[in-house]
Amino acid sequence: MAFGIGNVSLNTPDSIYKAIDASSAKVFGVKFYRNGTDGSQWQGDRLYSAKNLQFTPSTFTTTGVDEFCKYSPFNEKICATKYNSTSGKQEVMAYSTDSDYATAVADAESNIMVEFPKFWYLRPSKYEFLISDNPIEGFLPSPMHYRNGVMHDKVYIAKYEANHLYYSKSGQRGTYQWQQEVGGTSGFNSQTATVQTSQIHRTEARKKGMYVVDYAAYCSLLILGLVKYATLNWKAYIGYGACYSTTSSKGILSTGGADSITTLDGGTTADQKHAVLTLGIENLYGNTWNSVEGICMAGQYLYINTDIENLTNWPDSSMTGWTKCAVPMSTARGDDQYIADIAYSSDFPWAMWDTANTTNATSAKIPDACWYGAATTSAPHKIYTGGGANNSSYVGPFTFNASNALASARWDDGVRLLALD
């Protein structure tokens, strides 16, 4: 059975659907279609084992309903991990349901992570996503779990983000411990060029058996969320996140703002000033821009490198070691535009960058935003996702910023770490 990540046919043969029906594996799916005259009326229908599962997000005062969490790969677990110098990896000390979890969290070298079990996926059409808990003919391995020919059973992603302005509170380490080890505020100074800071991220994270979250992992999270939430507009359903502030560091929230949410997903749509929790991760969008590894832009094309275990530098203009994506980005360059369509490419079928934009949020298929640099430059630009504290309605999980050169700096950028089992 093929486990390649890309270069597949986008025409799903009937034999694959027959394989799904014949398989004992659980398949969860969603298909989006237009249910009206504008983008706001796009609707998602759950498929297969997801069809009859109930889900409603939690708020800061009410507990939602999550029947997905009973099944892999939606049964993410919050855990405390610690670096084992013998294995060279982060290893689980305790899960949040264990009696010794508080002790594990109190350990000065612990990190709070979200454990994601492996899965396989299929994208039969641009807006249709299927997930399986076991291999099925025609399905591909999760790009978050499949690295250098190895399918990892579990991947750990930091629950909390790291930013140069705020640290995690006591007992909420996430990337806090690692942040301290790269020099506290000096390691995350807003005047430090992001290309330099990114290299600090890589170097110091690897000393503790971790990597910066890359685009392959980020899109894996999007696939999980699309199936679970059955909507392209996460912020109007789960929560807007922290995104209504002036361009001031005071607008960025400290970590732990979503700790009172009792399930893996929740927030508020009452305002744009609170943290949001998706798939157990706090502020996947909003609050700070996510600096994402393994992807950059040059000209009208994106270049991807999923080998985070050996990724040491951003590419030069030759893009050696990076794969040029077959589907170009939108030709409508400019800031503050909403997403009218997303990529659907045989070489990276999991990827979902925007390929068409609109200035009208109502007509957008996805009311998240995109920012682009000049289409004519061949110099690599780094990619940020999610949106920051002052981006208001433009934030969202699909929000995509390719307007920053590698040597640029932002006051509102952050990173999130990843560990392989």
Protein backbone atom coordinates (compact mmCIF):
# COMPACT_ATOMS: atom_id res chain seq x y z
CA MET A 1 0.00 0.00 0.00
CA ALA A 2 1.35 3.38 -1.00
CA PHE A 3 2.15 5.83 1.78
CA GLY A 4 3.44 8.68 -0.34
CA ILE A 5 2.40 12.14 0.74
CA GLY A 6 1.86 13.64 -2.70
CA ASN A 7 1.75 13.17 -6.47
CA VAL A 8 -1.62 11.46 -6.51
CA SER A 9 -4.54 11.55 -8.89
CA LEU A 10 -7.26 13.97 -7.89
CA ASN A 11 -9.87 11.75 -9.53
CA THR A 12 -10.98 9.31 -6.86
CA PRO A 13 -11.85 5.95 -8.46
CA ASP A 14 -14.92 3.98 -7.44
CA SER A 15 -12.62 1.27 -6.10
CA ILE A 16 -11.60 3.54 -3.23
CA TYR A 17 -15.19 4.14 -2.19
CA LYS A 18 -15.71 0.39 -2.35
CA ALA A 19 -12.62 -0.07 -0.18
CA ILE A 20 -14.10 2.34 2.36
CA ASP A 21 -17.33 0.37 2.48
CA ALA A 22 -15.44 -2.91 2.84
CA SER A 23 -12.98 -1.66 5.46
CA SER A 24 -13.34 -2.19 9.18
CA ALA A 25 -11.64 1.17 9.73
CA LYS A 26 -13.71 4.08 10.91
CA VAL A 27 -13.99 6.85 8.34
CA PHE A 28 -15.05 10.39 9.24
CA GLY A 29 -15.77 12.89 6.53
CA VAL A 30 -17.22 16.21 5.47
CA LYS A 31 -18.20 17.74 2.13
CA PHE A 32 -18.86 21.43 1.65
CA TYR A 33 -21.26 22.84 -0.90
CA ARG A 34 -22.94 26.13 -1.69
CA ASN A 35 -26.34 26.41 -0.06
CA GLY A 36 -27.17 29.91 -1.21
CA THR A 37 -26.06 32.86 -3.27
CA ASP A 38 -22.99 33.94 -1.35
CA GLY A 39 -19.97 32.52 0.44
CA SER A 40 -21.51 32.85 3.87
CA GLN A 41 -23.98 30.15 2.97
CA TRP A 42 -21.48 27.41 2.28
CA GLN A 43 -22.55 24.35 4.25
CA GLY A 44 -20.72 21.25 5.38
CA ASP A 45 -22.36 17.83 5.49
CA ARG A 46 -20.71 15.19 7.66
CA LEU A 47 -20.13 11.80 6.05
CA TYR A 48 -19.67 8.18 7.11
CA SER A 49 -19.00 7.71 10.84
CA ALA A 50 -19.12 11.48 11.42
CA LYS A 51 -22.65 11.76 10.07
CA ASN A 52 -24.52 11.09 13.30
CA LEU A 53 -21.98 12.45 15.78
CA GLN A 54 -23.00 15.47 17.80
CA PHE A 55 -20.72 18.44 18.32
CA THR A 56 -21.26 21.90 19.77
CA PRO A 57 -18.37 24.05 21.04
CA SER A 58 -18.02 25.05 24.65
CA THR A 59 -18.03 28.62 25.88
CA PHE A 60 -16.42 30.15 28.96
CA THR A 61 -19.59 29.45 30.92
CA THR A 62 -21.12 26.35 29.30
CA THR A 63 -19.84 22.90 28.36
CA GLY A 64 -20.44 21.84 24.80
CA VAL A 65 -21.11 18.40 23.34
CA ASP A 66 -18.27 16.44 21.75
CA GLU A 67 -19.00 12.91 20.58
CA PHE A 68 -15.93 12.96 18.32
CA CYS A 69 -13.57 12.72 21.29
CA LYS A 70 -14.61 9.08 21.77
CA TYR A 71 -12.89 8.09 18.54
CA SER A 72 -9.38 8.21 17.12
CA PRO A 73 -7.94 10.47 15.77
CA PHE A 74 -10.20 13.02 17.49
CA ASN A 75 -9.36 11.75 20.97
CA GLU A 76 -6.49 14.17 21.53
CA LYS A 77 -5.01 14.16 25.02
CA ILE A 78 -3.45 16.96 27.02
CA CYS A 79 -0.20 15.83 28.60
CA ALA A 80 3.00 17.00 30.23
CA THR A 81 6.19 15.95 28.46
CA LYS A 82 9.85 16.18 29.35
CA TYR A 83 13.04 15.80 27.37
CA ASN A 84 14.85 12.48 27.71
CA SER A 85 18.50 13.02 26.86
CA THR A 86 19.01 9.29 26.29
CA SER A 87 16.30 8.91 23.65
CA GLY A 88 16.69 12.47 22.41
CA LYS A 89 12.92 12.92 22.51
CA GLN A 90 10.13 14.48 24.49
CA GLU A 91 8.40 11.77 26.51
CA VAL A 92 5.06 11.83 28.30
CA MET A 93 5.30 12.25 32.06
CA ALA A 94 1.55 12.28 32.73
CA TYR A 95 -1.78 12.97 31.08
CA SER A 96 -4.20 15.59 32.36
CA THR A 97 -6.48 12.82 33.70
CA ASP A 98 -3.68 11.21 35.74
CA SER A 99 -3.37 11.76 39.48
CA ASP A 100 0.24 12.87 39.15
CA TYR A 101 -0.41 15.41 36.37
CA ALA A 102 -0.06 18.44 38.64
CA THR A 103 3.31 17.15 39.82
CA ALA A 104 4.44 16.64 36.24
CA VAL A 105 3.36 20.14 35.26
CA ALA A 106 5.24 21.60 38.23
CA ASP A 107 8.47 20.08 36.94
CA ALA A 108 10.67 22.94 35.75
CA GLU A 109 11.45 21.15 32.48
CA SER A 110 7.93 20.04 31.59
CA ASN A 111 5.98 21.14 28.53
CA ILE A 112 2.21 21.05 28.14
CA MET A 113 1.42 19.38 24.84
CA VAL A 114 -1.57 18.02 22.91
CA GLU A 115 -1.11 14.42 21.77
CA PHE A 116 -2.50 13.64 18.30
CA PRO A 117 -2.82 9.98 17.24
CA LYS A 118 -1.94 9.03 13.67
CA PHE A 119 -4.54 9.03 10.91
CA TRP A 120 -4.93 8.67 7.17
CA TYR A 121 -6.80 11.06 4.91
CA LEU A 122 -8.36 11.35 1.45
CA ARG A 123 -9.40 14.48 -0.39
CA PRO A 124 -11.74 13.25 -3.13
CA SER A 125 -12.57 16.79 -4.25
CA LYS A 126 -11.45 20.28 -3.33
CA TYR A 127 -13.99 20.71 -0.53
CA GLU A 128 -14.35 17.11 0.58
CA PHE A 129 -12.19 15.59 3.32
CA LEU A 130 -12.15 12.03 4.65
CA ILE A 131 -10.19 10.76 7.66
CA SER A 132 -9.56 7.16 8.70
CA ASP A 133 -8.13 5.75 11.90
CA ASN A 134 -6.42 2.97 9.90
CA PRO A 135 -4.95 2.55 6.39
CA ILE A 136 -7.42 2.15 3.53
CA GLU A 137 -6.59 1.72 -0.14
CA GLY A 138 -6.10 5.14 -1.72
CA PHE A 139 -5.83 7.03 1.56
CA LEU A 140 -2.64 8.92 2.37
CA PRO A 141 -0.87 9.19 5.71
CA SER A 142 -1.29 12.34 7.75
CA PRO A 143 1.60 14.63 6.72
CA MET A 144 1.95 15.60 10.37
CA HIS A 145 2.78 11.98 11.28
CA TYR A 146 4.56 10.72 8.15
CA ARG A 147 8.16 11.91 8.21
CA ASN A 148 11.10 10.59 6.19
CA GLY A 149 9.36 7.32 5.41
CA VAL A 150 8.26 6.72 9.00
CA MET A 151 4.63 6.83 10.15
CA HIS A 152 4.75 8.08 13.74
CA ASP A 153 2.04 6.80 16.05
CA LYS A 154 1.72 10.14 17.83
CA VAL A 155 2.67 13.74 17.35
CA TYR A 156 2.76 16.29 20.17
CA ILE A 157 1.95 19.95 19.57
CA ALA A 158 2.38 22.63 22.23
CA LYS A 159 -0.93 23.72 23.69
CA TYR A 160 0.37 27.25 24.22
CA GLU A 161 2.17 29.65 21.92
CA ALA A 162 5.42 31.46 22.60
CA ASN A 163 5.81 35.18 21.97
CA HIS A 164 8.51 37.64 22.96
CA LEU A 165 6.03 39.79 24.90
CA TYR A 166 4.49 37.33 27.29
CA TYR A 167 5.53 34.11 28.95
CA SER A 168 3.34 31.24 30.02
CA LYS A 169 2.10 31.46 33.56
CA SER A 170 3.35 29.06 36.18
CA GLY A 171 2.05 25.60 35.41
CA GLN A 172 1.35 26.47 31.78
CA ARG A 173 4.68 25.74 30.24
CA GLY A 174 3.86 24.93 26.63
CA THR A 175 6.83 26.56 24.93
CA TYR A 176 7.70 28.58 28.02
CA GLN A 177 10.61 26.47 29.20
CA TRP A 178 12.13 26.50 25.76
CA GLN A 179 11.58 30.23 25.52
CA GLN A 180 13.58 30.75 28.68
CA GLU A 181 16.40 28.66 27.28
CA VAL A 182 16.75 30.82 24.17
CA GLY A 183 17.27 33.89 26.28
CA GLY A 184 13.93 35.18 27.51
CA THR A 185 12.92 38.47 25.95
CA SER A 186 16.26 38.91 24.19
CA GLY A 187 15.63 35.75 22.21
CA PHE A 188 12.27 37.06 21.11
CA ASN A 189 13.04 40.74 20.79
CA SER A 190 10.79 42.42 18.25
CA GLN A 191 13.83 44.00 16.64
CA THR A 192 15.48 40.63 15.99
CA ALA A 193 15.18 39.70 12.33
CA THR A 194 12.77 36.81 11.92
CA VAL A 195 15.22 34.84 9.81
CA GLN A 196 17.63 34.90 12.73
CA THR A 197 14.91 34.18 15.27
CA SER A 198 13.67 31.25 13.19
CA GLN A 199 17.14 29.74 13.24
CA ILE A 200 17.22 30.19 17.02
CA HIS A 201 13.87 28.40 17.17
CA ARG A 202 15.19 25.43 15.22
CA THR A 203 18.49 25.15 17.00
CA GLU A 204 17.22 25.48 20.55
CA ALA A 205 14.07 23.42 20.04
CA ARG A 206 16.10 20.50 18.73
CA LYS A 207 18.21 20.50 21.83
CA LYS A 208 15.01 19.47 23.61
CA GLY A 209 13.73 17.00 20.99
CA MET A 210 11.28 19.44 19.41
CA TYR A 211 10.70 21.28 16.14
CA VAL A 212 8.80 24.39 15.11
CA VAL A 213 5.36 23.46 13.75
CA ASP A 214 5.53 23.27 9.97
CA TYR A 215 2.93 23.74 7.25
CA ALA A 216 2.38 19.99 6.91
CA ALA A 217 1.40 19.75 10.58
CA TYR A 218 -0.65 22.94 10.40
CA CYS A 219 -2.72 21.65 7.46
CA SER A 220 -3.19 18.31 9.22
CA LEU A 221 -4.86 20.26 12.02
CA LEU A 222 -7.05 22.03 9.47
CA ILE A 223 -8.22 18.69 8.05
CA LEU A 224 -9.12 17.41 11.52
CA GLY A 225 -10.98 20.60 12.34
CA LEU A 226 -12.89 20.73 9.06
CA VAL A 227 -14.26 17.23 9.59
CA LYS A 228 -15.10 17.85 13.24
CA TYR A 229 -16.62 21.32 12.91
CA ALA A 230 -18.19 20.89 9.44
CA THR A 231 -17.77 24.59 8.73
CA LEU A 232 -15.34 26.78 6.80
CA ASN A 233 -15.97 29.64 9.22
CA TRP A 234 -14.40 28.42 12.48
CA LYS A 235 -14.33 31.81 14.17
CA ALA A 236 -18.08 32.35 13.86
CA TYR A 237 -18.71 28.87 15.24
CA ILE A 238 -15.99 28.13 17.79
CA GLY A 239 -14.91 31.64 18.76
CA TYR A 240 -13.41 34.79 17.24
CA GLY A 241 -10.25 34.63 19.30
CA ALA A 242 -8.15 37.56 20.52
CA CYS A 243 -8.02 39.86 17.54
CA TYR A 244 -9.50 43.24 18.43
CA SER A 245 -6.76 45.51 19.70
CA THR A 246 -4.62 48.44 18.65
CA THR A 247 -1.14 47.81 17.25
CA SER A 248 0.29 47.62 20.73
CA SER A 249 1.98 44.81 22.60
CA LYS A 250 -0.57 45.32 25.36
CA GLY A 251 -3.16 43.70 23.11
CA ILE A 252 -1.49 40.28 23.18
CA LEU A 253 -2.92 37.93 25.79
CA SER A 254 -0.82 35.86 28.13
CA THR A 255 -1.26 32.11 27.80
CA GLY A 256 -3.90 30.22 29.73
CA GLY A 257 -6.81 32.38 28.63
CA ALA A 258 -8.80 29.34 27.50
CA ASP A 259 -8.06 27.14 30.51
CA SER A 260 -11.57 27.48 31.87
CA ILE A 261 -13.00 25.82 28.75
CA THR A 262 -13.82 22.28 29.80
CA THR A 263 -13.64 20.52 26.42
CA LEU A 264 -11.11 20.53 23.58
CA ASP A 265 -12.90 23.22 21.57
CA GLY A 266 -14.49 26.49 22.57
CA GLY A 267 -14.40 30.25 22.95
CA THR A 268 -16.81 33.11 22.49
CA THR A 269 -18.45 34.87 19.57
CA ALA A 270 -19.59 37.70 21.83
CA ASP A 271 -16.38 39.68 21.30
CA GLN A 272 -12.89 39.49 19.81
CA LYS A 273 -10.92 39.81 23.03
CA HIS A 274 -10.73 36.26 24.38
CA ALA A 275 -8.58 33.21 23.71
CA VAL A 276 -10.00 30.39 21.60
CA LEU A 277 -9.45 26.65 21.91
CA THR A 278 -9.46 24.38 18.85
CA LEU A 279 -8.48 20.69 18.97
CA GLY A 280 -7.06 21.33 22.44
CA ILE A 281 -4.73 24.06 21.15
CA GLU A 282 -5.02 27.59 22.49
CA ASN A 283 -5.02 30.40 19.92
CA LEU A 284 -4.30 28.46 16.76
CA TYR A 285 -5.54 31.69 15.20
CA GLY A 286 -5.60 35.21 16.62
CA ASN A 287 -3.47 36.76 19.36
CA THR A 288 -0.12 36.21 17.61
CA TRP A 289 0.83 35.31 14.05
CA ASN A 290 2.11 31.73 13.78
CA SER A 291 5.57 31.57 12.26
CA VAL A 292 5.33 28.35 10.25
CA GLU A 293 8.24 26.18 9.14
CA GLY A 294 8.59 24.19 5.94
CA ILE A 295 6.96 26.67 3.56
CA CYS A 296 7.97 29.90 1.87
CA MET A 297 6.91 32.01 -1.11
CA ALA A 298 8.92 33.16 -4.10
CA GLY A 299 7.17 34.95 -6.93
CA GLN A 300 3.72 33.51 -7.44
CA TYR A 301 4.59 30.07 -6.09
CA LEU A 302 4.99 28.37 -2.77
CA TYR A 303 7.85 26.03 -1.94
CA ILE A 304 7.46 23.25 0.63
CA ASN A 305 9.90 21.14 2.63
CA THR A 306 8.37 18.58 5.03
CA ASP A 307 11.71 17.29 6.34
CA ILE A 308 11.63 19.19 9.63
CA GLU A 309 14.06 16.73 11.21
CA ASN A 310 16.82 17.96 8.90
CA LEU A 311 15.64 21.46 8.11
CA THR A 312 18.32 23.88 9.33
CA ASN A 313 18.01 27.00 7.20
CA TRP A 314 15.60 28.95 5.07
CA PRO A 315 16.33 28.47 1.35
CA ASP A 316 18.29 30.84 -0.82
CA SER A 317 17.02 31.97 -4.22
CA SER A 318 17.94 28.58 -5.75
CA MET A 319 15.35 26.85 -3.50
CA THR A 320 17.57 23.76 -3.29
CA GLY A 321 15.86 21.00 -1.32
CA TRP A 322 12.45 22.68 -1.55
CA THR A 323 9.62 21.54 -3.83
CA LYS A 324 7.79 24.08 -5.95
CA CYS A 325 4.02 23.66 -5.66
CA ALA A 326 2.28 23.01 -8.96
CA VAL A 327 -0.70 25.27 -8.23
CA PRO A 328 0.20 28.98 -8.08
CA MET A 329 -1.06 31.39 -5.48
CA SER A 330 -3.66 34.00 -6.32
CA THR A 331 -2.60 36.59 -8.88
CA ALA A 332 -4.70 39.20 -7.06
CA ARG A 333 -1.96 40.57 -4.86
CA GLY A 334 -2.69 42.93 -2.02
CA ASP A 335 -3.44 43.17 1.66
CA ASP A 336 -6.63 42.56 3.60
CA GLN A 337 -8.32 40.30 1.05
CA TYR A 338 -10.55 37.36 1.88
CA ILE A 339 -10.21 33.83 0.55
CA ALA A 340 -12.36 33.06 -2.49
CA ASP A 341 -10.84 29.64 -3.18
CA ILE A 342 -8.16 27.26 -1.90
CA ALA A 343 -5.54 25.03 -3.50
CA TYR A 344 -6.24 21.49 -4.63
CA SER A 345 -3.00 20.08 -5.96
CA SER A 346 -1.85 16.54 -6.70
CA ASP A 347 1.67 17.15 -5.36
CA PHE A 348 0.44 18.36 -1.95
CA PRO A 349 -3.20 17.27 -1.66
CA TRP A 350 -3.27 18.21 2.03
CA ALA A 351 -2.28 21.84 1.43
CA MET A 352 -4.89 24.62 1.45
CA TRP A 353 -3.33 27.95 0.56
CA ASP A 354 -5.59 30.48 -1.16
CA THR A 355 -5.67 30.61 -4.95
CA ALA A 356 -8.28 33.35 -5.41
CA ASN A 357 -9.13 36.40 -3.32
CA THR A 358 -11.92 38.91 -2.86
CA THR A 359 -12.32 42.15 -0.95
CA ASN A 360 -15.89 41.13 -0.04
CA ALA A 361 -16.11 38.95 3.06
CA THR A 362 -19.70 37.99 2.28
CA SER A 363 -18.82 36.46 -1.09
CA ALA A 364 -15.71 34.69 0.24
CA LYS A 365 -15.90 30.94 0.65
CA ILE A 366 -13.69 31.31 3.69
CA PRO A 367 -13.95 34.65 5.56
CA ASP A 368 -10.28 34.51 6.61
CA ALA A 369 -7.75 36.83 5.01
CA CYS A 370 -4.52 36.81 3.05
CA TRP A 371 -1.61 39.20 2.64
CA TYR A 372 0.88 38.93 -0.22
CA GLY A 373 4.13 40.55 -1.18
CA ALA A 374 5.11 41.47 -4.72
CA ALA A 375 4.52 38.67 -7.25
CA THR A 376 7.62 39.62 -9.20
CA THR A 377 10.22 39.06 -6.51
CA SER A 378 12.14 35.79 -6.51
CA ALA A 379 13.44 36.36 -2.98
CA PRO A 380 11.96 33.88 -0.50
CA HIS A 381 9.29 35.21 1.85
CA LYS A 382 8.32 33.44 5.05
CA ILE A 383 4.77 32.44 5.89
CA TYR A 384 2.66 33.37 8.90
CA THR A 385 -0.76 31.91 9.62
CA GLY A 386 -3.74 32.68 11.82
CA GLY A 387 -3.62 36.44 12.26
CA GLY A 388 -2.67 38.60 15.21
CA ALA A 389 -4.13 40.63 18.05
CA ASN A 390 -5.09 43.65 15.91
CA ASN A 391 -6.39 41.92 12.76
CA SER A 392 -10.06 41.76 13.76
CA SER A 393 -12.27 40.00 11.19
CA TYR A 394 -9.24 39.01 9.12
CA VAL A 395 -8.05 36.32 11.54
CA GLY A 396 -8.86 32.65 11.19
CA PRO A 397 -7.22 29.25 10.77
CA PHE A 398 -6.87 29.77 7.00
CA THR A 399 -5.46 33.29 7.30
CA PHE A 400 -2.21 33.41 5.35
CA ASN A 401 0.51 36.08 5.29
CA ALA A 402 3.25 35.89 2.67
CA SER A 403 4.25 39.55 2.65
CA ASN A 404 7.26 39.31 4.99
CA ALA A 405 10.78 38.85 3.67
CA LEU A 406 12.96 36.42 5.62
CA ALA A 407 14.86 39.29 7.21
CA SER A 408 11.77 41.18 8.35
CA ALA A 409 10.58 41.46 11.95
CA ARG A 410 7.16 41.58 13.59
CA TRP A 411 6.07 42.67 17.06
CA ASP A 412 3.18 40.21 17.04
CA ASP A 413 4.73 36.96 15.83
CA GLY A 414 4.93 33.73 17.79
CA VAL A 415 5.77 30.08 17.37
CA ARG A 416 4.44 26.75 18.46
CA LEU A 417 6.49 23.61 18.97
CA LEU A 418 6.06 20.03 17.83
CA ALA A 419 7.54 16.72 18.94
CA LEU A 420 7.50 13.30 17.27
CA ASP A 421 7.15 10.08 19.26
